[in-house]
N, C-alpha and C. Protein backbone atom coordinates (compact mmCIF):
# COMPACT_ATOMS: atom_id res chain seq x y z
N ILE A 1 0.86 -1.17 0.00
CA ILE A 1 0.00 0.00 0.00
C ILE A 1 0.91 1.23 0.00
N ARG A 2 0.70 2.13 -0.96
CA ARG A 2 1.55 3.32 -1.03
C ARG A 2 1.05 4.43 -0.11
N VAL A 3 -0.26 4.60 -0.02
CA VAL A 3 -0.83 5.67 0.81
C VAL A 3 -1.75 5.03 1.86
N VAL A 4 -1.45 5.34 3.12
CA VAL A 4 -2.27 4.84 4.23
C VAL A 4 -2.76 6.05 5.02
N ILE A 5 -4.06 6.10 5.22
CA ILE A 5 -4.65 7.16 6.04
C ILE A 5 -5.31 6.51 7.24
N CYS A 6 -4.83 6.85 8.42
CA CYS A 6 -5.36 6.31 9.67
C CYS A 6 -6.07 7.44 10.40
N ASP A 7 -7.37 7.32 10.56
CA ASP A 7 -8.15 8.36 11.21
C ASP A 7 -8.53 7.92 12.62
N GLU A 8 -8.54 8.86 13.55
CA GLU A 8 -8.87 8.62 14.95
C GLU A 8 -8.01 7.52 15.57
N VAL A 9 -6.68 7.66 15.39
CA VAL A 9 -5.75 6.64 15.87
C VAL A 9 -5.75 6.50 17.39
N ASP A 10 -6.16 7.51 18.13
CA ASP A 10 -6.23 7.37 19.59
C ASP A 10 -7.41 6.50 20.02
N ARG A 11 -8.27 6.12 19.10
CA ARG A 11 -9.39 5.22 19.41
C ARG A 11 -9.09 3.77 19.01
N TYR A 12 -7.95 3.53 18.35
CA TYR A 12 -7.61 2.18 17.92
C TYR A 12 -7.32 1.30 19.13
N PRO A 13 -7.61 0.01 19.01
CA PRO A 13 -7.25 -0.91 20.11
C PRO A 13 -5.73 -1.04 20.20
N ALA A 14 -5.25 -1.47 21.35
CA ALA A 14 -3.81 -1.63 21.56
C ALA A 14 -3.20 -2.66 20.62
N SER A 15 -3.98 -3.65 20.24
CA SER A 15 -3.47 -4.70 19.37
C SER A 15 -4.54 -5.11 18.36
N ALA A 16 -4.07 -5.43 17.16
CA ALA A 16 -4.96 -5.95 16.11
C ALA A 16 -4.96 -7.46 16.20
N GLY A 17 -5.60 -7.96 17.21
CA GLY A 17 -5.60 -9.41 17.45
C GLY A 17 -4.21 -9.89 17.81
N THR A 18 -3.72 -10.87 17.07
CA THR A 18 -2.39 -11.43 17.36
C THR A 18 -1.29 -10.72 16.58
N GLU A 19 -1.64 -9.72 15.77
CA GLU A 19 -0.65 -9.07 14.90
C GLU A 19 0.07 -7.88 15.52
N GLY A 20 -0.41 -7.35 16.62
CA GLY A 20 0.25 -6.22 17.26
C GLY A 20 -0.41 -4.89 16.98
N ASP A 21 0.35 -3.84 17.19
CA ASP A 21 -0.14 -2.46 17.07
C ASP A 21 -0.65 -2.16 15.66
N PRO A 22 -1.91 -1.72 15.53
CA PRO A 22 -2.48 -1.48 14.21
C PRO A 22 -1.77 -0.39 13.40
N VAL A 23 -1.27 0.65 14.06
CA VAL A 23 -0.57 1.72 13.33
C VAL A 23 0.77 1.20 12.80
N SER A 24 1.47 0.43 13.61
CA SER A 24 2.74 -0.16 13.14
C SER A 24 2.49 -1.11 11.97
N LEU A 25 1.39 -1.86 12.02
CA LEU A 25 1.04 -2.75 10.92
C LEU A 25 0.76 -1.96 9.64
N ALA A 26 0.02 -0.87 9.76
CA ALA A 26 -0.27 -0.04 8.59
C ALA A 26 1.01 0.54 8.00
N LYS A 27 1.89 1.01 8.87
CA LYS A 27 3.17 1.56 8.41
C LYS A 27 4.00 0.50 7.70
N ALA A 28 4.01 -0.72 8.23
CA ALA A 28 4.77 -1.82 7.63
C ALA A 28 4.28 -2.13 6.21
N ARG A 29 3.02 -1.91 5.95
CA ARG A 29 2.45 -2.20 4.63
C ARG A 29 2.97 -1.25 3.55
N THR A 30 3.61 -0.14 3.95
CA THR A 30 4.10 0.85 2.98
C THR A 30 5.59 0.67 2.65
N LYS A 31 6.24 -0.27 3.26
CA LYS A 31 7.70 -0.41 3.15
C LYS A 31 8.24 -0.52 1.73
N THR A 32 7.50 -1.10 0.83
CA THR A 32 8.03 -1.34 -0.51
C THR A 32 7.94 -0.13 -1.44
N PHE A 33 7.43 0.98 -0.95
CA PHE A 33 7.30 2.17 -1.80
C PHE A 33 8.26 3.27 -1.35
N HIS A 34 9.05 3.78 -2.29
CA HIS A 34 9.96 4.88 -1.97
C HIS A 34 9.19 6.19 -1.75
N ASN A 35 8.01 6.29 -2.35
CA ASN A 35 7.21 7.51 -2.26
C ASN A 35 5.95 7.31 -1.40
N ARG A 36 6.09 6.52 -0.35
CA ARG A 36 4.95 6.20 0.52
C ARG A 36 4.50 7.41 1.33
N LYS A 37 3.25 7.37 1.71
CA LYS A 37 2.66 8.39 2.58
C LYS A 37 1.87 7.69 3.67
N LEU A 38 2.13 8.08 4.90
CA LEU A 38 1.37 7.60 6.04
C LEU A 38 0.79 8.82 6.74
N VAL A 39 -0.52 8.89 6.80
CA VAL A 39 -1.20 10.02 7.43
C VAL A 39 -1.89 9.50 8.68
N LEU A 40 -1.54 10.11 9.83
CA LEU A 40 -2.17 9.79 11.10
C LEU A 40 -2.98 11.01 11.53
N MET A 41 -4.24 10.80 11.84
CA MET A 41 -5.11 11.89 12.29
C MET A 41 -5.86 11.43 13.53
N SER A 42 -6.15 12.37 14.42
CA SER A 42 -6.94 11.98 15.58
C SER A 42 -7.25 13.17 16.47
N THR A 43 -8.42 13.07 17.09
CA THR A 43 -8.68 13.86 18.29
C THR A 43 -7.91 13.12 19.37
N PRO A 44 -7.09 13.83 20.15
CA PRO A 44 -6.31 13.12 21.17
C PRO A 44 -7.19 12.57 22.29
N GLY A 45 -6.66 11.59 22.99
CA GLY A 45 -7.35 11.00 24.14
C GLY A 45 -6.50 11.17 25.38
N ASP A 46 -6.30 10.10 26.11
CA ASP A 46 -5.49 10.15 27.34
C ASP A 46 -4.02 10.30 27.01
N GLU A 47 -3.33 11.13 27.76
CA GLU A 47 -1.91 11.36 27.55
C GLU A 47 -1.11 10.05 27.63
N ALA A 48 -1.46 9.19 28.58
CA ALA A 48 -0.70 7.96 28.81
C ALA A 48 -0.80 6.96 27.67
N THR A 49 -1.91 6.98 26.92
CA THR A 49 -2.11 5.98 25.88
C THR A 49 -2.23 6.57 24.47
N SER A 50 -2.06 7.86 24.34
CA SER A 50 -2.23 8.52 23.05
C SER A 50 -1.21 8.05 22.03
N ARG A 51 -1.67 7.81 20.81
CA ARG A 51 -0.78 7.54 19.68
C ARG A 51 -0.47 8.84 18.94
N ILE A 52 -1.43 9.73 18.87
CA ILE A 52 -1.26 10.94 18.08
C ILE A 52 -0.31 11.93 18.75
N ALA A 53 -0.30 11.99 20.08
CA ALA A 53 0.58 12.94 20.78
C ALA A 53 2.06 12.65 20.51
N PRO A 54 2.55 11.41 20.67
CA PRO A 54 3.95 11.17 20.35
C PRO A 54 4.27 11.34 18.87
N ALA A 55 3.29 11.05 18.00
CA ALA A 55 3.51 11.26 16.56
C ALA A 55 3.69 12.75 16.28
N PHE A 56 2.86 13.60 16.90
CA PHE A 56 3.01 15.04 16.72
C PHE A 56 4.32 15.53 17.32
N GLU A 57 4.67 15.03 18.50
CA GLU A 57 5.93 15.43 19.14
C GLU A 57 7.14 15.10 18.27
N ALA A 58 7.08 14.02 17.51
CA ALA A 58 8.19 13.62 16.64
C ALA A 58 8.21 14.39 15.32
N SER A 59 7.15 15.14 15.05
CA SER A 59 7.02 15.86 13.78
C SER A 59 7.66 17.25 13.86
N ASP A 60 7.50 18.01 12.78
CA ASP A 60 8.00 19.40 12.78
C ASP A 60 7.07 20.35 13.53
N GLN A 61 5.94 19.84 14.01
CA GLN A 61 5.01 20.57 14.89
C GLN A 61 4.58 21.92 14.32
N ARG A 62 3.78 21.86 13.29
CA ARG A 62 3.29 23.08 12.66
C ARG A 62 2.05 23.61 13.37
N HIS A 63 2.05 24.92 13.56
CA HIS A 63 0.91 25.64 14.14
C HIS A 63 0.52 26.75 13.17
N TYR A 64 -0.76 27.06 13.13
CA TYR A 64 -1.26 28.09 12.24
C TYR A 64 -1.26 29.42 12.98
N LEU A 65 -0.43 30.34 12.52
CA LEU A 65 -0.32 31.65 13.15
C LEU A 65 -1.18 32.65 12.39
N VAL A 66 -1.90 33.47 13.14
CA VAL A 66 -2.79 34.47 12.55
C VAL A 66 -2.43 35.86 13.06
N PRO A 67 -2.68 36.89 12.25
CA PRO A 67 -2.33 38.26 12.67
C PRO A 67 -3.43 38.92 13.50
N CYS A 68 -3.00 39.71 14.45
CA CYS A 68 -3.94 40.53 15.21
C CYS A 68 -4.42 41.67 14.30
N HIS A 69 -5.72 41.94 14.31
CA HIS A 69 -6.27 43.02 13.49
C HIS A 69 -5.80 44.39 13.96
N ALA A 70 -5.38 44.50 15.23
CA ALA A 70 -4.99 45.80 15.78
C ALA A 70 -3.49 46.07 15.65
N CYS A 71 -2.65 45.07 15.94
CA CYS A 71 -1.19 45.32 15.94
C CYS A 71 -0.43 44.49 14.92
N GLY A 72 -1.08 43.52 14.30
CA GLY A 72 -0.42 42.69 13.29
C GLY A 72 0.41 41.54 13.83
N HIS A 73 0.51 41.43 15.15
CA HIS A 73 1.31 40.36 15.75
C HIS A 73 0.79 38.99 15.32
N MET A 74 1.70 38.15 14.82
CA MET A 74 1.33 36.80 14.41
C MET A 74 1.35 35.90 15.63
N GLN A 75 0.28 35.14 15.83
CA GLN A 75 0.16 34.33 17.03
C GLN A 75 -0.62 33.06 16.78
N ARG A 76 -0.32 32.07 17.60
CA ARG A 76 -1.10 30.83 17.63
C ARG A 76 -2.29 31.09 18.54
N MET A 77 -3.49 30.84 18.07
CA MET A 77 -4.67 31.05 18.92
C MET A 77 -4.70 29.97 19.99
N GLN A 78 -4.75 30.40 21.24
CA GLN A 78 -4.72 29.48 22.37
C GLN A 78 -5.80 29.84 23.37
N TRP A 79 -6.28 28.82 24.07
CA TRP A 79 -7.36 29.00 25.04
C TRP A 79 -7.01 30.02 26.11
N ARG A 80 -5.76 30.09 26.51
CA ARG A 80 -5.38 31.02 27.58
C ARG A 80 -5.65 32.48 27.20
N GLN A 81 -5.90 32.76 25.92
CA GLN A 81 -6.20 34.13 25.47
C GLN A 81 -7.70 34.40 25.38
N VAL A 82 -8.52 33.43 25.76
CA VAL A 82 -9.97 33.63 25.75
C VAL A 82 -10.38 34.22 27.09
N ARG A 83 -11.18 35.26 27.04
CA ARG A 83 -11.62 35.96 28.26
C ARG A 83 -13.14 36.07 28.26
N TRP A 84 -13.73 36.12 29.46
CA TRP A 84 -15.16 36.37 29.64
C TRP A 84 -15.35 36.95 31.02
N ASP A 85 -16.51 37.57 31.24
CA ASP A 85 -16.80 38.26 32.49
C ASP A 85 -17.69 37.40 33.40
N ASP A 86 -17.26 37.19 34.63
CA ASP A 86 -18.06 36.61 35.71
C ASP A 86 -18.94 35.43 35.29
N GLY A 87 -18.36 34.43 34.67
CA GLY A 87 -19.12 33.24 34.30
C GLY A 87 -20.16 33.46 33.22
N ASP A 88 -20.09 34.59 32.50
CA ASP A 88 -21.06 34.94 31.47
C ASP A 88 -20.47 34.67 30.09
N ALA A 89 -20.83 33.53 29.50
CA ALA A 89 -20.28 33.13 28.20
C ALA A 89 -20.60 34.14 27.10
N SER A 90 -21.69 34.87 27.24
CA SER A 90 -22.07 35.83 26.19
C SER A 90 -21.06 36.98 26.07
N THR A 91 -20.20 37.15 27.07
CA THR A 91 -19.19 38.22 27.03
C THR A 91 -17.84 37.71 26.49
N ALA A 92 -17.80 36.48 26.05
CA ALA A 92 -16.55 35.85 25.62
C ALA A 92 -15.94 36.56 24.42
N ARG A 93 -14.62 36.63 24.45
CA ARG A 93 -13.86 37.23 23.35
C ARG A 93 -12.46 36.66 23.37
N TYR A 94 -11.78 36.78 22.25
CA TYR A 94 -10.38 36.40 22.16
C TYR A 94 -9.58 37.67 22.35
N GLU A 95 -8.40 37.56 22.99
CA GLU A 95 -7.56 38.72 23.27
C GLU A 95 -6.17 38.50 22.69
N CYS A 96 -5.66 39.48 21.97
CA CYS A 96 -4.31 39.40 21.39
C CYS A 96 -3.28 39.20 22.50
N GLU A 97 -2.37 38.27 22.29
CA GLU A 97 -1.35 38.00 23.30
C GLU A 97 -0.32 39.13 23.41
N GLN A 98 -0.24 40.01 22.41
CA GLN A 98 0.73 41.10 22.44
C GLN A 98 0.12 42.42 22.90
N CYS A 99 -0.92 42.89 22.20
CA CYS A 99 -1.47 44.22 22.52
C CYS A 99 -2.76 44.15 23.34
N GLU A 100 -3.27 42.95 23.60
CA GLU A 100 -4.47 42.73 24.38
C GLU A 100 -5.74 43.28 23.73
N ALA A 101 -5.69 43.52 22.41
CA ALA A 101 -6.90 43.96 21.69
C ALA A 101 -7.93 42.85 21.75
N HIS A 102 -9.19 43.23 21.90
CA HIS A 102 -10.28 42.26 21.92
C HIS A 102 -10.68 41.95 20.48
N TRP A 103 -10.84 40.66 20.19
CA TRP A 103 -11.27 40.22 18.87
C TRP A 103 -12.71 39.77 18.95
N THR A 104 -13.50 40.21 18.01
CA THR A 104 -14.83 39.64 17.86
C THR A 104 -14.67 38.32 17.11
N ASP A 105 -15.74 37.55 17.02
CA ASP A 105 -15.67 36.34 16.21
C ASP A 105 -15.36 36.70 14.76
N GLY A 106 -15.88 37.83 14.31
CA GLY A 106 -15.58 38.29 12.95
C GLY A 106 -14.09 38.58 12.76
N ASP A 107 -13.46 39.22 13.75
CA ASP A 107 -12.02 39.49 13.69
C ASP A 107 -11.23 38.17 13.65
N ARG A 108 -11.65 37.24 14.49
CA ARG A 108 -10.97 35.95 14.57
C ARG A 108 -11.08 35.19 13.25
N ILE A 109 -12.27 35.16 12.70
CA ILE A 109 -12.49 34.46 11.44
C ILE A 109 -11.75 35.15 10.29
N ALA A 110 -11.74 36.47 10.28
CA ALA A 110 -11.01 37.21 9.24
C ALA A 110 -9.51 36.93 9.32
N ALA A 111 -9.00 36.79 10.54
CA ALA A 111 -7.55 36.52 10.71
C ALA A 111 -7.15 35.19 10.07
N LEU A 112 -8.09 34.24 10.01
CA LEU A 112 -7.78 32.95 9.40
C LEU A 112 -7.37 33.09 7.94
N GLN A 113 -7.89 34.09 7.26
CA GLN A 113 -7.58 34.30 5.84
C GLN A 113 -6.13 34.71 5.62
N SER A 114 -5.48 35.27 6.64
CA SER A 114 -4.11 35.76 6.50
C SER A 114 -3.11 34.94 7.31
N GLY A 115 -3.53 33.79 7.76
CA GLY A 115 -2.66 32.95 8.58
C GLY A 115 -1.63 32.19 7.76
N VAL A 116 -0.62 31.68 8.47
CA VAL A 116 0.44 30.88 7.85
C VAL A 116 0.80 29.73 8.79
N TRP A 117 1.13 28.58 8.20
CA TRP A 117 1.62 27.45 8.98
C TRP A 117 3.09 27.66 9.25
N VAL A 118 3.48 27.52 10.51
CA VAL A 118 4.89 27.68 10.91
C VAL A 118 5.32 26.46 11.71
N ALA A 119 6.43 25.87 11.28
CA ALA A 119 6.96 24.68 11.96
C ALA A 119 7.79 25.10 13.17
N THR A 120 7.55 24.46 14.31
CA THR A 120 8.33 24.69 15.52
C THR A 120 9.73 24.08 15.37
N HIS A 121 9.80 22.94 14.66
CA HIS A 121 11.06 22.23 14.42
C HIS A 121 11.20 22.00 12.92
N PRO A 122 11.61 23.05 12.16
CA PRO A 122 11.59 22.96 10.70
C PRO A 122 12.54 21.92 10.09
N GLY A 123 13.50 21.44 10.81
CA GLY A 123 14.44 20.47 10.26
C GLY A 123 13.95 19.04 10.26
N ARG A 124 12.84 18.76 10.90
CA ARG A 124 12.35 17.39 11.01
C ARG A 124 11.67 16.94 9.72
N ALA A 125 11.87 15.67 9.38
CA ALA A 125 11.35 15.12 8.12
C ALA A 125 9.85 14.90 8.13
N VAL A 126 9.27 14.63 9.29
CA VAL A 126 7.84 14.35 9.38
C VAL A 126 7.09 15.65 9.61
N VAL A 127 6.02 15.84 8.84
CA VAL A 127 5.20 17.04 8.95
C VAL A 127 4.02 16.75 9.88
N GLY A 128 3.77 17.65 10.82
CA GLY A 128 2.65 17.48 11.75
C GLY A 128 1.92 18.79 11.96
N PHE A 129 0.61 18.71 12.07
CA PHE A 129 -0.23 19.90 12.22
C PHE A 129 -1.11 19.78 13.46
N HIS A 130 -1.41 20.92 14.10
CA HIS A 130 -2.33 20.94 15.24
C HIS A 130 -3.25 22.15 15.11
N LEU A 131 -4.54 21.90 15.35
CA LEU A 131 -5.53 22.97 15.41
C LEU A 131 -6.52 22.69 16.53
N SER A 132 -7.04 23.74 17.12
CA SER A 132 -8.13 23.61 18.09
C SER A 132 -9.38 24.21 17.46
N GLU A 133 -10.49 24.12 18.18
CA GLU A 133 -11.73 24.71 17.69
C GLU A 133 -11.67 26.22 17.57
N LEU A 134 -10.70 26.86 18.19
CA LEU A 134 -10.56 28.31 18.05
C LEU A 134 -10.36 28.70 16.59
N TYR A 135 -9.92 27.77 15.77
CA TYR A 135 -9.70 28.04 14.35
C TYR A 135 -10.92 27.76 13.49
N SER A 136 -11.97 27.25 14.06
CA SER A 136 -13.15 26.90 13.27
C SER A 136 -14.02 28.14 13.02
N PRO A 137 -14.32 28.41 11.75
CA PRO A 137 -15.23 29.52 11.47
C PRO A 137 -16.69 29.17 11.82
N PHE A 138 -16.92 27.91 12.16
CA PHE A 138 -18.28 27.46 12.49
C PHE A 138 -18.55 27.44 13.98
N ARG A 139 -17.56 27.82 14.79
CA ARG A 139 -17.70 27.83 16.25
C ARG A 139 -17.47 29.25 16.75
N MET A 140 -18.37 29.74 17.58
CA MET A 140 -18.21 31.05 18.18
C MET A 140 -17.51 30.87 19.53
N VAL A 141 -16.71 31.84 19.91
CA VAL A 141 -15.98 31.76 21.17
C VAL A 141 -16.96 31.63 22.34
N SER A 142 -18.08 32.30 22.26
CA SER A 142 -19.08 32.20 23.34
C SER A 142 -19.60 30.77 23.47
N GLN A 143 -19.74 30.04 22.36
CA GLN A 143 -20.16 28.64 22.43
C GLN A 143 -19.11 27.79 23.14
N MET A 144 -17.84 28.04 22.82
CA MET A 144 -16.76 27.27 23.45
C MET A 144 -16.71 27.54 24.95
N VAL A 145 -16.88 28.80 25.34
CA VAL A 145 -16.86 29.15 26.76
C VAL A 145 -18.05 28.53 27.47
N ALA A 146 -19.23 28.60 26.88
CA ALA A 146 -20.41 28.00 27.51
C ALA A 146 -20.20 26.50 27.72
N GLU A 147 -19.64 25.83 26.72
CA GLU A 147 -19.38 24.40 26.86
C GLU A 147 -18.31 24.14 27.93
N PHE A 148 -17.30 25.00 27.99
CA PHE A 148 -16.26 24.85 29.02
C PHE A 148 -16.86 25.01 30.41
N LEU A 149 -17.68 26.03 30.61
CA LEU A 149 -18.29 26.27 31.92
C LEU A 149 -19.15 25.08 32.34
N GLY A 150 -19.85 24.49 31.40
CA GLY A 150 -20.64 23.30 31.71
C GLY A 150 -19.77 22.07 31.94
N ALA A 151 -18.69 21.95 31.17
CA ALA A 151 -17.81 20.77 31.27
C ALA A 151 -17.04 20.73 32.58
N LYS A 152 -16.80 21.87 33.19
CA LYS A 152 -16.04 21.91 34.45
C LYS A 152 -16.72 21.15 35.58
N ALA A 153 -17.98 20.79 35.40
CA ALA A 153 -18.76 20.11 36.44
C ALA A 153 -18.20 18.75 36.82
N SER A 154 -17.55 18.06 35.88
CA SER A 154 -17.00 16.74 36.20
C SER A 154 -15.74 16.48 35.38
N PRO A 155 -14.83 15.67 35.92
CA PRO A 155 -13.61 15.34 35.17
C PRO A 155 -13.90 14.68 33.82
N GLU A 156 -14.93 13.86 33.73
CA GLU A 156 -15.23 13.17 32.47
C GLU A 156 -15.68 14.15 31.39
N THR A 157 -16.53 15.12 31.75
CA THR A 157 -16.98 16.08 30.74
C THR A 157 -15.86 17.07 30.39
N LEU A 158 -15.03 17.41 31.38
CA LEU A 158 -13.89 18.30 31.10
C LEU A 158 -12.87 17.59 30.21
N LYS A 159 -12.69 16.31 30.41
CA LYS A 159 -11.80 15.51 29.56
C LYS A 159 -12.28 15.56 28.11
N THR A 160 -13.57 15.31 27.90
CA THR A 160 -14.13 15.35 26.55
C THR A 160 -13.93 16.72 25.93
N TRP A 161 -14.20 17.78 26.69
CA TRP A 161 -14.04 19.14 26.18
C TRP A 161 -12.57 19.42 25.83
N THR A 162 -11.64 19.01 26.69
CA THR A 162 -10.21 19.23 26.44
C THR A 162 -9.77 18.52 25.18
N ASN A 163 -10.16 17.25 25.04
CA ASN A 163 -9.80 16.47 23.85
C ASN A 163 -10.42 17.06 22.59
N ALA A 164 -11.73 17.30 22.60
CA ALA A 164 -12.46 17.68 21.39
C ALA A 164 -12.34 19.16 21.04
N CYS A 165 -12.40 20.04 22.02
CA CYS A 165 -12.37 21.48 21.74
C CYS A 165 -10.94 22.00 21.58
N LEU A 166 -10.08 21.65 22.50
CA LEU A 166 -8.70 22.14 22.45
C LEU A 166 -7.79 21.28 21.59
N GLY A 167 -8.19 20.03 21.35
CA GLY A 167 -7.33 19.12 20.60
C GLY A 167 -6.10 18.75 21.40
N GLU A 168 -6.26 18.62 22.72
CA GLU A 168 -5.14 18.30 23.61
C GLU A 168 -5.40 16.99 24.33
N THR A 169 -4.33 16.32 24.72
CA THR A 169 -4.47 15.08 25.48
C THR A 169 -4.94 15.40 26.89
N TRP A 170 -5.54 14.41 27.51
CA TRP A 170 -6.00 14.53 28.89
C TRP A 170 -5.00 13.85 29.81
N LYS A 171 -4.58 14.54 30.85
CA LYS A 171 -3.67 13.97 31.84
C LYS A 171 -4.44 13.78 33.13
N GLU A 172 -4.47 12.54 33.62
CA GLU A 172 -5.17 12.25 34.86
C GLU A 172 -4.50 12.99 36.03
N ALA A 173 -5.28 13.52 36.94
CA ALA A 173 -4.76 14.21 38.12
C ALA A 173 -3.98 13.25 38.98
N GLY A 174 -2.91 13.75 39.58
CA GLY A 174 -2.09 12.93 40.48
C GLY A 174 -1.09 12.04 39.77
N GLY A 175 -0.90 12.27 38.44
CA GLY A 175 0.02 11.45 37.67
C GLY A 175 1.46 11.63 38.06
N ASP A 176 1.98 12.81 37.99
CA ASP A 176 3.40 13.06 38.32
C ASP A 176 3.52 13.99 39.49
């Protein structure tokens, strides 16, 4: 097989019956091609068992940087820059990490048009990409905040929100 696409690899079982790790098996099937492609995609799961997290760590780790409408600073959109007032999701906004300008959802979506992928480790042979829901033009920041406020009620719902909304692995409390 020259091209293998593995989707939701963090949901794969640990072993494909008696044959071992399913991702390793898929990769082995590409050995005879000099121009092979192996694509791994997934919403991450638990940090301890994630397949996608170590694959991304081994890659060139590309992030999509977008410009601030006020100062032009190129930045990776991150949850720590989301602000809201007194538990009120309707006041949610994104804030520039440099000039602290408030972005409307329109500003955030417009910034996507001028963004660029930048590799954290440009010398690495494997290409890897990461995005969170902050990059989705179909999600409003107020929706993400409302879901976060509701998800904080239990570790299981917060885990789902962290995995699905932020695209980050979940680390069990008390691990290290």
